[in-house]
Amino acid sequence: MAIAMAGSSFQGVPSSVVPNVIGDSLEYILSDIGNEIIRIVDLNQLGTDIRTAAYMVAIQNVFNTLFYQE
């Protein structure tokens, strides 16, 4: 329901296209973050400690957002 409502707010874009764009964007973002988590696990030899790697990625993203803000 929320996706259909969000789709109706885009001027000139059919509401059937908006969920595809949102889904594709989420898939890309989550895939990118997943790959970054795997890279951190390998880089820091964390073994199966995926949670720590995810925390590290989240902290890096917050730092980058705050540090590189204009």
Foldseek 3Di string as FASTA:
>chain_A
DVLLVVLVVDPPDDSVVSVVVVVVVVVVVVVVLVVQLVVQCVVVVVPPPSVVSSVVSVVVVVCCCVVVPD
